[in-house]
Amino acid sequence: MNKILSAAPPRAALFLLTAIFCLTNCQTFRHQFTQPAPEWQTRNGQLQYRSPKTSLIGDVLVRNSTAGDFELTFSKGPGIALLTVRQDEKFVRVSGPLTRGSWSGPPNKAPARLRGWVALRDLLLRSPTQSLIRQTVGSDSFAFAF
């Protein structure tokens, strides 16, 4: 009986350590974007988006840091976000009803339906003072007025 009792604690400890490792390891795989800060550049304006099946005009909020961190929110009226893009050099997350869910991963692995949205970061970072910006990627076209 002594042997059974002494064998139980190491198994329980091993199970507990394995569970803790798995739970904390999952958290480290999640990409952490830099949170917007007061020193980020912010631009508000209008975006006209066109695709073969959709044509929308809405409000756009674009924020970016000098390090290249980027956030774009496309909305139709207050509180109705259609699409949000959070992106840095190595990772992007696109979500909202316009995307029919969400997707995240390396920018160069973006699905075809999101490549236009993912390409906007580079365009907008290169054009910080332009008030009118246009871009077409595949069958998606974007026209910004800031």
N, C-alpha and C. Protein backbone atom coordinates (compact mmCIF):
# COMPACT_ATOMS: atom_id res chain seq x y z
N MET A 1 0.82 -1.19 0.00
CA MET A 1 0.00 0.00 0.00
C MET A 1 0.86 1.25 0.00
N ASN A 2 2.00 1.21 0.64
CA ASN A 2 2.92 2.34 0.66
C ASN A 2 3.41 2.69 -0.74
N LYS A 3 3.66 1.68 -1.57
CA LYS A 3 4.14 1.92 -2.92
C LYS A 3 3.09 2.63 -3.78
N ILE A 4 1.84 2.30 -3.62
CA ILE A 4 0.78 2.94 -4.40
C ILE A 4 0.67 4.41 -4.04
N LEU A 5 0.74 4.74 -2.78
CA LEU A 5 0.64 6.13 -2.35
C LEU A 5 1.84 6.95 -2.82
N SER A 6 3.02 6.37 -2.80
CA SER A 6 4.19 7.14 -3.20
C SER A 6 4.27 7.33 -4.71
N ALA A 7 3.63 6.46 -5.50
CA ALA A 7 3.65 6.60 -6.95
C ALA A 7 2.65 7.64 -7.44
N ALA A 8 1.59 7.88 -6.71
CA ALA A 8 0.54 8.80 -7.14
C ALA A 8 0.99 10.25 -7.22
N PRO A 9 1.67 10.80 -6.24
CA PRO A 9 2.04 12.23 -6.34
C PRO A 9 2.91 12.56 -7.54
N PRO A 10 3.93 11.77 -7.91
CA PRO A 10 4.71 12.13 -9.10
C PRO A 10 3.87 12.14 -10.38
N ARG A 11 2.93 11.22 -10.53
CA ARG A 11 2.07 11.23 -11.72
C ARG A 11 1.18 12.46 -11.73
N ALA A 12 0.65 12.79 -10.58
CA ALA A 12 -0.20 13.98 -10.50
C ALA A 12 0.62 15.23 -10.80
N ALA A 13 1.82 15.28 -10.27
CA ALA A 13 2.69 16.44 -10.52
C ALA A 13 3.06 16.52 -12.00
N LEU A 14 3.35 15.37 -12.60
CA LEU A 14 3.69 15.34 -14.03
C LEU A 14 2.50 15.81 -14.87
N PHE A 15 1.31 15.34 -14.54
CA PHE A 15 0.10 15.76 -15.25
C PHE A 15 -0.11 17.26 -15.10
N LEU A 16 0.05 17.77 -13.89
CA LEU A 16 -0.14 19.20 -13.63
C LEU A 16 0.88 20.03 -14.41
N LEU A 17 2.13 19.62 -14.41
CA LEU A 17 3.16 20.35 -15.16
C LEU A 17 2.88 20.32 -16.66
N THR A 18 2.43 19.17 -17.17
CA THR A 18 2.10 19.07 -18.59
C THR A 18 0.94 19.98 -18.94
N ALA A 19 -0.08 20.01 -18.10
CA ALA A 19 -1.25 20.87 -18.35
C ALA A 19 -0.85 22.34 -18.33
N ILE A 20 -0.03 22.73 -17.37
CA ILE A 20 0.42 24.13 -17.29
C ILE A 20 1.24 24.49 -18.53
N PHE A 21 2.13 23.61 -18.95
CA PHE A 21 2.95 23.86 -20.14
C PHE A 21 2.08 24.05 -21.37
N CYS A 22 1.10 23.16 -21.54
CA CYS A 22 0.23 23.24 -22.72
C CYS A 22 -0.58 24.53 -22.72
N LEU A 23 -1.13 24.89 -21.58
CA LEU A 23 -1.95 26.09 -21.51
C LEU A 23 -1.14 27.36 -21.72
N THR A 24 0.04 27.44 -21.14
CA THR A 24 0.85 28.65 -21.32
C THR A 24 1.50 28.68 -22.69
N ASN A 25 1.81 27.53 -23.25
CA ASN A 25 2.41 27.48 -24.57
C ASN A 25 1.44 27.96 -25.63
N CYS A 26 0.16 27.63 -25.50
CA CYS A 26 -0.84 28.09 -26.46
C CYS A 26 -0.90 29.61 -26.47
N GLN A 27 -0.78 30.23 -25.33
CA GLN A 27 -0.86 31.68 -25.23
C GLN A 27 0.34 32.34 -25.94
N THR A 28 1.50 31.70 -25.92
CA THR A 28 2.67 32.32 -26.54
C THR A 28 2.59 32.28 -28.06
N PHE A 29 1.79 31.39 -28.64
CA PHE A 29 1.66 31.34 -30.09
C PHE A 29 0.76 32.45 -30.63
N ARG A 30 -0.01 33.08 -29.80
CA ARG A 30 -0.90 34.15 -30.24
C ARG A 30 -0.09 35.43 -30.45
N HIS A 31 -0.22 36.03 -31.60
CA HIS A 31 0.54 37.23 -31.92
C HIS A 31 0.01 38.43 -31.14
N GLN A 32 0.90 39.19 -30.57
CA GLN A 32 0.51 40.38 -29.81
C GLN A 32 0.86 41.62 -30.63
N PHE A 33 -0.16 42.38 -31.02
CA PHE A 33 0.06 43.62 -31.73
C PHE A 33 0.36 44.73 -30.73
N THR A 34 1.16 45.70 -31.15
CA THR A 34 1.40 46.88 -30.34
C THR A 34 0.11 47.69 -30.26
N GLN A 35 -0.24 48.11 -29.06
CA GLN A 35 -1.46 48.90 -28.88
C GLN A 35 -1.23 50.33 -29.38
N PRO A 36 -2.23 50.93 -30.03
CA PRO A 36 -2.09 52.32 -30.47
C PRO A 36 -1.77 53.23 -29.29
N ALA A 37 -0.91 54.19 -29.54
CA ALA A 37 -0.46 55.13 -28.50
C ALA A 37 -0.65 56.56 -29.01
N PRO A 38 -0.60 57.53 -28.11
CA PRO A 38 -0.83 58.93 -28.52
C PRO A 38 0.11 59.42 -29.63
N GLU A 39 1.32 58.87 -29.71
CA GLU A 39 2.26 59.34 -30.73
C GLU A 39 2.01 58.71 -32.11
N TRP A 40 1.07 57.80 -32.23
CA TRP A 40 0.73 57.23 -33.53
C TRP A 40 0.06 58.29 -34.39
N GLN A 41 0.31 58.22 -35.70
CA GLN A 41 -0.38 59.11 -36.64
C GLN A 41 -1.79 58.56 -36.86
N THR A 42 -2.77 59.46 -36.83
CA THR A 42 -4.17 59.08 -37.01
C THR A 42 -4.77 59.89 -38.14
N ARG A 43 -5.47 59.20 -39.05
CA ARG A 43 -6.18 59.88 -40.14
C ARG A 43 -7.61 59.35 -40.20
N ASN A 44 -8.55 60.27 -40.35
CA ASN A 44 -9.97 59.94 -40.54
C ASN A 44 -10.38 60.36 -41.93
N GLY A 45 -11.27 59.61 -42.54
CA GLY A 45 -11.75 59.99 -43.85
C GLY A 45 -12.83 59.06 -44.35
N GLN A 46 -12.94 59.01 -45.66
CA GLN A 46 -13.92 58.17 -46.33
C GLN A 46 -13.18 57.15 -47.20
N LEU A 47 -13.76 55.98 -47.32
CA LEU A 47 -13.22 54.94 -48.18
C LEU A 47 -14.33 54.43 -49.08
N GLN A 48 -14.03 54.40 -50.38
CA GLN A 48 -14.94 53.76 -51.33
C GLN A 48 -14.29 52.43 -51.70
N TYR A 49 -14.98 51.35 -51.40
CA TYR A 49 -14.48 50.00 -51.68
C TYR A 49 -15.38 49.35 -52.73
N ARG A 50 -14.74 48.76 -53.74
CA ARG A 50 -15.49 48.06 -54.79
C ARG A 50 -14.85 46.71 -55.06
N SER A 51 -15.72 45.72 -55.16
CA SER A 51 -15.33 44.38 -55.59
C SER A 51 -16.39 43.91 -56.57
N PRO A 52 -16.22 42.76 -57.21
CA PRO A 52 -17.24 42.32 -58.17
C PRO A 52 -18.65 42.21 -57.57
N LYS A 53 -18.75 41.91 -56.27
CA LYS A 53 -20.06 41.71 -55.66
C LYS A 53 -20.47 42.80 -54.68
N THR A 54 -19.56 43.72 -54.36
CA THR A 54 -19.83 44.71 -53.31
C THR A 54 -19.36 46.09 -53.72
N SER A 55 -20.13 47.09 -53.37
CA SER A 55 -19.72 48.48 -53.54
C SER A 55 -20.19 49.24 -52.30
N LEU A 56 -19.22 49.78 -51.54
CA LEU A 56 -19.53 50.45 -50.29
C LEU A 56 -18.75 51.75 -50.15
N ILE A 57 -19.37 52.72 -49.52
CA ILE A 57 -18.68 53.93 -49.10
C ILE A 57 -18.91 54.05 -47.60
N GLY A 58 -17.83 54.26 -46.86
CA GLY A 58 -17.97 54.36 -45.41
C GLY A 58 -16.85 55.17 -44.80
N ASP A 59 -16.88 55.25 -43.49
CA ASP A 59 -15.85 55.96 -42.74
C ASP A 59 -14.64 55.06 -42.56
N VAL A 60 -13.47 55.68 -42.57
CA VAL A 60 -12.25 54.92 -42.35
C VAL A 60 -11.39 55.64 -41.31
N LEU A 61 -10.84 54.87 -40.40
CA LEU A 61 -9.90 55.36 -39.41
C LEU A 61 -8.61 54.57 -39.61
N VAL A 62 -7.52 55.29 -39.85
CA VAL A 62 -6.22 54.66 -40.08
C VAL A 62 -5.25 55.19 -39.03
N ARG A 63 -4.60 54.27 -38.33
CA ARG A 63 -3.58 54.65 -37.34
C ARG A 63 -2.33 53.84 -37.60
N ASN A 64 -1.18 54.51 -37.44
CA ASN A 64 0.09 53.80 -37.61
C ASN A 64 1.18 54.43 -36.76
N SER A 65 2.15 53.59 -36.41
CA SER A 65 3.31 54.05 -35.64
C SER A 65 4.49 54.26 -36.58
N THR A 66 5.52 54.91 -36.08
CA THR A 66 6.73 55.09 -36.89
C THR A 66 7.44 53.76 -37.12
N ALA A 67 7.16 52.76 -36.28
CA ALA A 67 7.77 51.43 -36.43
C ALA A 67 7.04 50.58 -37.47
N GLY A 68 5.92 51.08 -38.02
CA GLY A 68 5.19 50.33 -39.04
C GLY A 68 3.99 49.55 -38.54
N ASP A 69 3.67 49.70 -37.26
CA ASP A 69 2.45 49.07 -36.75
C ASP A 69 1.26 49.80 -37.37
N PHE A 70 0.21 49.06 -37.71
CA PHE A 70 -0.86 49.61 -38.54
C PHE A 70 -2.21 49.08 -38.09
N GLU A 71 -3.19 49.97 -38.11
CA GLU A 71 -4.57 49.58 -37.81
C GLU A 71 -5.51 50.36 -38.72
N LEU A 72 -6.44 49.67 -39.36
CA LEU A 72 -7.44 50.29 -40.22
C LEU A 72 -8.81 49.77 -39.79
N THR A 73 -9.76 50.70 -39.60
CA THR A 73 -11.14 50.34 -39.29
C THR A 73 -12.04 50.98 -40.33
N PHE A 74 -12.81 50.16 -41.03
CA PHE A 74 -13.76 50.61 -42.04
C PHE A 74 -15.15 50.39 -41.46
N SER A 75 -15.94 51.46 -41.39
CA SER A 75 -17.25 51.35 -40.74
C SER A 75 -18.32 52.07 -41.54
N LYS A 76 -19.54 51.71 -41.25
CA LYS A 76 -20.70 52.33 -41.89
C LYS A 76 -21.52 52.94 -40.75
N GLY A 77 -21.21 54.17 -40.42
CA GLY A 77 -21.91 54.82 -39.31
C GLY A 77 -21.27 54.46 -37.98
N PRO A 78 -21.64 55.20 -36.95
CA PRO A 78 -21.04 54.97 -35.63
C PRO A 78 -21.40 53.58 -35.08
N GLY A 79 -20.38 52.87 -34.66
CA GLY A 79 -20.60 51.58 -34.02
C GLY A 79 -20.84 50.41 -34.94
N ILE A 80 -20.76 50.60 -36.25
CA ILE A 80 -21.00 49.50 -37.19
C ILE A 80 -19.71 49.24 -37.97
N ALA A 81 -18.77 48.56 -37.34
CA ALA A 81 -17.49 48.24 -37.99
C ALA A 81 -17.71 47.12 -39.00
N LEU A 82 -17.32 47.39 -40.24
CA LEU A 82 -17.45 46.39 -41.30
C LEU A 82 -16.20 45.53 -41.42
N LEU A 83 -15.05 46.14 -41.13
CA LEU A 83 -13.79 45.43 -41.30
C LEU A 83 -12.71 46.12 -40.47
N THR A 84 -11.86 45.33 -39.85
CA THR A 84 -10.71 45.84 -39.11
C THR A 84 -9.47 45.09 -39.56
N VAL A 85 -8.40 45.84 -39.82
CA VAL A 85 -7.11 45.26 -40.17
C VAL A 85 -6.12 45.70 -39.11
N ARG A 86 -5.44 44.75 -38.48
CA ARG A 86 -4.32 45.04 -37.57
C ARG A 86 -3.12 44.35 -38.19
N GLN A 87 -2.04 45.10 -38.36
CA GLN A 87 -0.93 44.53 -39.12
C GLN A 87 0.39 45.13 -38.66
N ASP A 88 1.42 44.29 -38.66
CA ASP A 88 2.79 44.76 -38.52
C ASP A 88 3.59 44.10 -39.65
N GLU A 89 4.88 44.17 -39.57
CA GLU A 89 5.71 43.68 -40.67
C GLU A 89 5.54 42.18 -40.94
N LYS A 90 5.27 41.41 -39.89
CA LYS A 90 5.28 39.95 -40.03
C LYS A 90 3.93 39.27 -39.86
N PHE A 91 2.91 40.00 -39.43
CA PHE A 91 1.65 39.35 -39.11
C PHE A 91 0.49 40.29 -39.38
N VAL A 92 -0.65 39.72 -39.76
CA VAL A 92 -1.85 40.52 -40.03
C VAL A 92 -3.07 39.78 -39.50
N ARG A 93 -4.03 40.54 -39.02
CA ARG A 93 -5.33 39.99 -38.62
C ARG A 93 -6.41 40.85 -39.27
N VAL A 94 -7.28 40.22 -40.04
CA VAL A 94 -8.39 40.90 -40.71
C VAL A 94 -9.67 40.28 -40.18
N SER A 95 -10.61 41.13 -39.73
CA SER A 95 -11.85 40.59 -39.18
C SER A 95 -13.01 41.53 -39.46
N GLY A 96 -14.21 40.99 -39.35
CA GLY A 96 -15.42 41.78 -39.52
C GLY A 96 -16.38 41.15 -40.49
N PRO A 97 -17.61 41.65 -40.52
CA PRO A 97 -18.64 41.08 -41.39
C PRO A 97 -18.27 41.12 -42.88
N LEU A 98 -17.53 42.13 -43.29
CA LEU A 98 -17.16 42.24 -44.70
C LEU A 98 -16.22 41.11 -45.13
N THR A 99 -15.49 40.56 -44.19
CA THR A 99 -14.57 39.46 -44.50
C THR A 99 -15.20 38.09 -44.27
N ARG A 100 -16.45 38.08 -43.82
CA ARG A 100 -17.15 36.83 -43.51
C ARG A 100 -16.39 36.02 -42.47
N GLY A 101 -16.02 36.67 -41.38
CA GLY A 101 -15.29 36.01 -40.30
C GLY A 101 -13.99 36.73 -40.05
N SER A 102 -12.93 35.96 -39.84
CA SER A 102 -11.62 36.58 -39.62
C SER A 102 -10.54 35.66 -40.16
N TRP A 103 -9.39 36.27 -40.41
CA TRP A 103 -8.22 35.52 -40.84
C TRP A 103 -7.01 36.18 -40.23
N SER A 104 -6.01 35.38 -39.85
CA SER A 104 -4.75 35.94 -39.37
C SER A 104 -3.61 35.03 -39.81
N GLY A 105 -2.46 35.67 -40.01
CA GLY A 105 -1.27 34.95 -40.43
C GLY A 105 -0.28 35.89 -41.07
N PRO A 106 0.77 35.35 -41.68
CA PRO A 106 1.75 36.19 -42.37
C PRO A 106 1.09 36.90 -43.56
N PRO A 107 1.44 38.17 -43.80
CA PRO A 107 0.81 38.91 -44.91
C PRO A 107 0.94 38.22 -46.26
N ASN A 108 2.07 37.58 -46.53
CA ASN A 108 2.26 36.93 -47.83
C ASN A 108 1.44 35.65 -47.99
N LYS A 109 0.77 35.21 -46.95
CA LYS A 109 -0.08 34.01 -47.01
C LYS A 109 -1.57 34.36 -46.99
N ALA A 110 -1.90 35.63 -47.13
CA ALA A 110 -3.31 36.06 -47.08
C ALA A 110 -4.11 35.41 -48.20
N PRO A 111 -5.35 35.01 -47.92
CA PRO A 111 -6.20 34.47 -48.98
C PRO A 111 -6.47 35.52 -50.05
N ALA A 112 -6.75 35.08 -51.25
CA ALA A 112 -6.95 36.00 -52.39
C ALA A 112 -7.99 37.06 -52.08
N ARG A 113 -9.08 36.71 -51.39
CA ARG A 113 -10.15 37.67 -51.12
C ARG A 113 -9.74 38.78 -50.15
N LEU A 114 -8.60 38.61 -49.45
CA LEU A 114 -8.14 39.62 -48.49
C LEU A 114 -6.86 40.32 -48.91
N ARG A 115 -6.26 39.93 -50.01
CA ARG A 115 -4.97 40.50 -50.41
C ARG A 115 -5.02 42.01 -50.62
N GLY A 116 -6.11 42.52 -51.14
CA GLY A 116 -6.24 43.97 -51.32
C GLY A 116 -6.20 44.70 -49.99
N TRP A 117 -6.91 44.18 -49.00
CA TRP A 117 -6.93 44.81 -47.67
C TRP A 117 -5.55 44.74 -47.02
N VAL A 118 -4.86 43.62 -47.18
CA VAL A 118 -3.53 43.45 -46.59
C VAL A 118 -2.52 44.38 -47.27
N ALA A 119 -2.69 44.64 -48.56
CA ALA A 119 -1.76 45.52 -49.30
C ALA A 119 -1.91 46.99 -48.91
N LEU A 120 -3.00 47.35 -48.25
CA LEU A 120 -3.22 48.77 -47.92
C LEU A 120 -2.20 49.32 -46.93
N ARG A 121 -1.67 48.49 -46.05
CA ARG A 121 -0.68 48.96 -45.08
C ARG A 121 0.49 49.64 -45.78
N ASP A 122 1.10 48.94 -46.73
CA ASP A 122 2.27 49.50 -47.42
C ASP A 122 1.90 50.78 -48.17
N LEU A 123 0.76 50.79 -48.83
CA LEU A 123 0.32 51.97 -49.58
C LEU A 123 0.14 53.16 -48.64
N LEU A 124 -0.57 52.98 -47.56
CA LEU A 124 -0.87 54.09 -46.66
C LEU A 124 0.35 54.55 -45.86
N LEU A 125 1.27 53.64 -45.54
CA LEU A 125 2.50 54.05 -44.86
C LEU A 125 3.40 54.87 -45.78
N ARG A 126 3.35 54.60 -47.09
CA ARG A 126 4.14 55.36 -48.07
C ARG A 126 3.52 56.72 -48.39
N SER A 127 2.26 56.94 -48.01
CA SER A 127 1.53 58.15 -48.41
C SER A 127 0.96 58.88 -47.19
N PRO A 128 1.79 59.27 -46.23
CA PRO A 128 1.25 59.82 -44.98
C PRO A 128 0.59 61.19 -45.11
N THR A 129 0.88 61.93 -46.17
CA THR A 129 0.32 63.28 -46.28
C THR A 129 -0.65 63.44 -47.45
N GLN A 130 -0.81 62.42 -48.27
CA GLN A 130 -1.72 62.52 -49.41
C GLN A 130 -3.17 62.48 -48.93
N SER A 131 -3.99 63.34 -49.52
CA SER A 131 -5.39 63.38 -49.12
C SER A 131 -6.27 62.47 -49.98
N LEU A 132 -5.83 62.17 -51.20
CA LEU A 132 -6.55 61.24 -52.07
C LEU A 132 -5.62 60.10 -52.46
N ILE A 133 -6.05 58.87 -52.20
CA ILE A 133 -5.21 57.70 -52.48
C ILE A 133 -6.09 56.64 -53.13
N ARG A 134 -5.59 56.07 -54.23
CA ARG A 134 -6.33 55.00 -54.93
C ARG A 134 -5.42 53.80 -55.12
N GLN A 135 -6.05 52.62 -55.06
CA GLN A 135 -5.30 51.40 -55.33
C GLN A 135 -6.26 50.32 -55.79
N THR A 136 -5.79 49.51 -56.74
CA THR A 136 -6.54 48.34 -57.19
C THR A 136 -5.64 47.12 -57.02
N VAL A 137 -6.18 46.11 -56.36
CA VAL A 137 -5.48 44.84 -56.18
C VAL A 137 -6.43 43.75 -56.65
N GLY A 138 -6.05 43.07 -57.72
CA GLY A 138 -6.95 42.07 -58.28
C GLY A 138 -8.23 42.75 -58.73
N SER A 139 -9.36 42.26 -58.26
CA SER A 139 -10.65 42.86 -58.63
C SER A 139 -11.18 43.82 -57.56
N ASP A 140 -10.39 44.09 -56.53
CA ASP A 140 -10.79 45.03 -55.47
C ASP A 140 -10.19 46.40 -55.72
N SER A 141 -11.00 47.44 -55.60
CA SER A 141 -10.46 48.80 -55.73
C SER A 141 -10.81 49.60 -54.48
N PHE A 142 -9.87 50.47 -54.11
CA PHE A 142 -9.97 51.27 -52.90
C PHE A 142 -9.70 52.73 -53.26
N ALA A 143 -10.54 53.63 -52.79
CA ALA A 143 -10.33 55.07 -53.00
C ALA A 143 -10.53 55.75 -51.65
N PHE A 144 -9.43 56.33 -51.14
CA PHE A 144 -9.45 57.01 -49.84
C PHE A 144 -9.51 58.51 -50.05
N ALA A 145 -10.26 59.20 -49.22
CA ALA A 145 -10.28 60.66 -49.15
C ALA A 145 -10.11 61.03 -47.68
N PHE A 146 -8.94 61.61 -47.38
CA PHE A 146 -8.66 62.03 -45.99
C PHE A 146 -8.82 63.52 -45.85
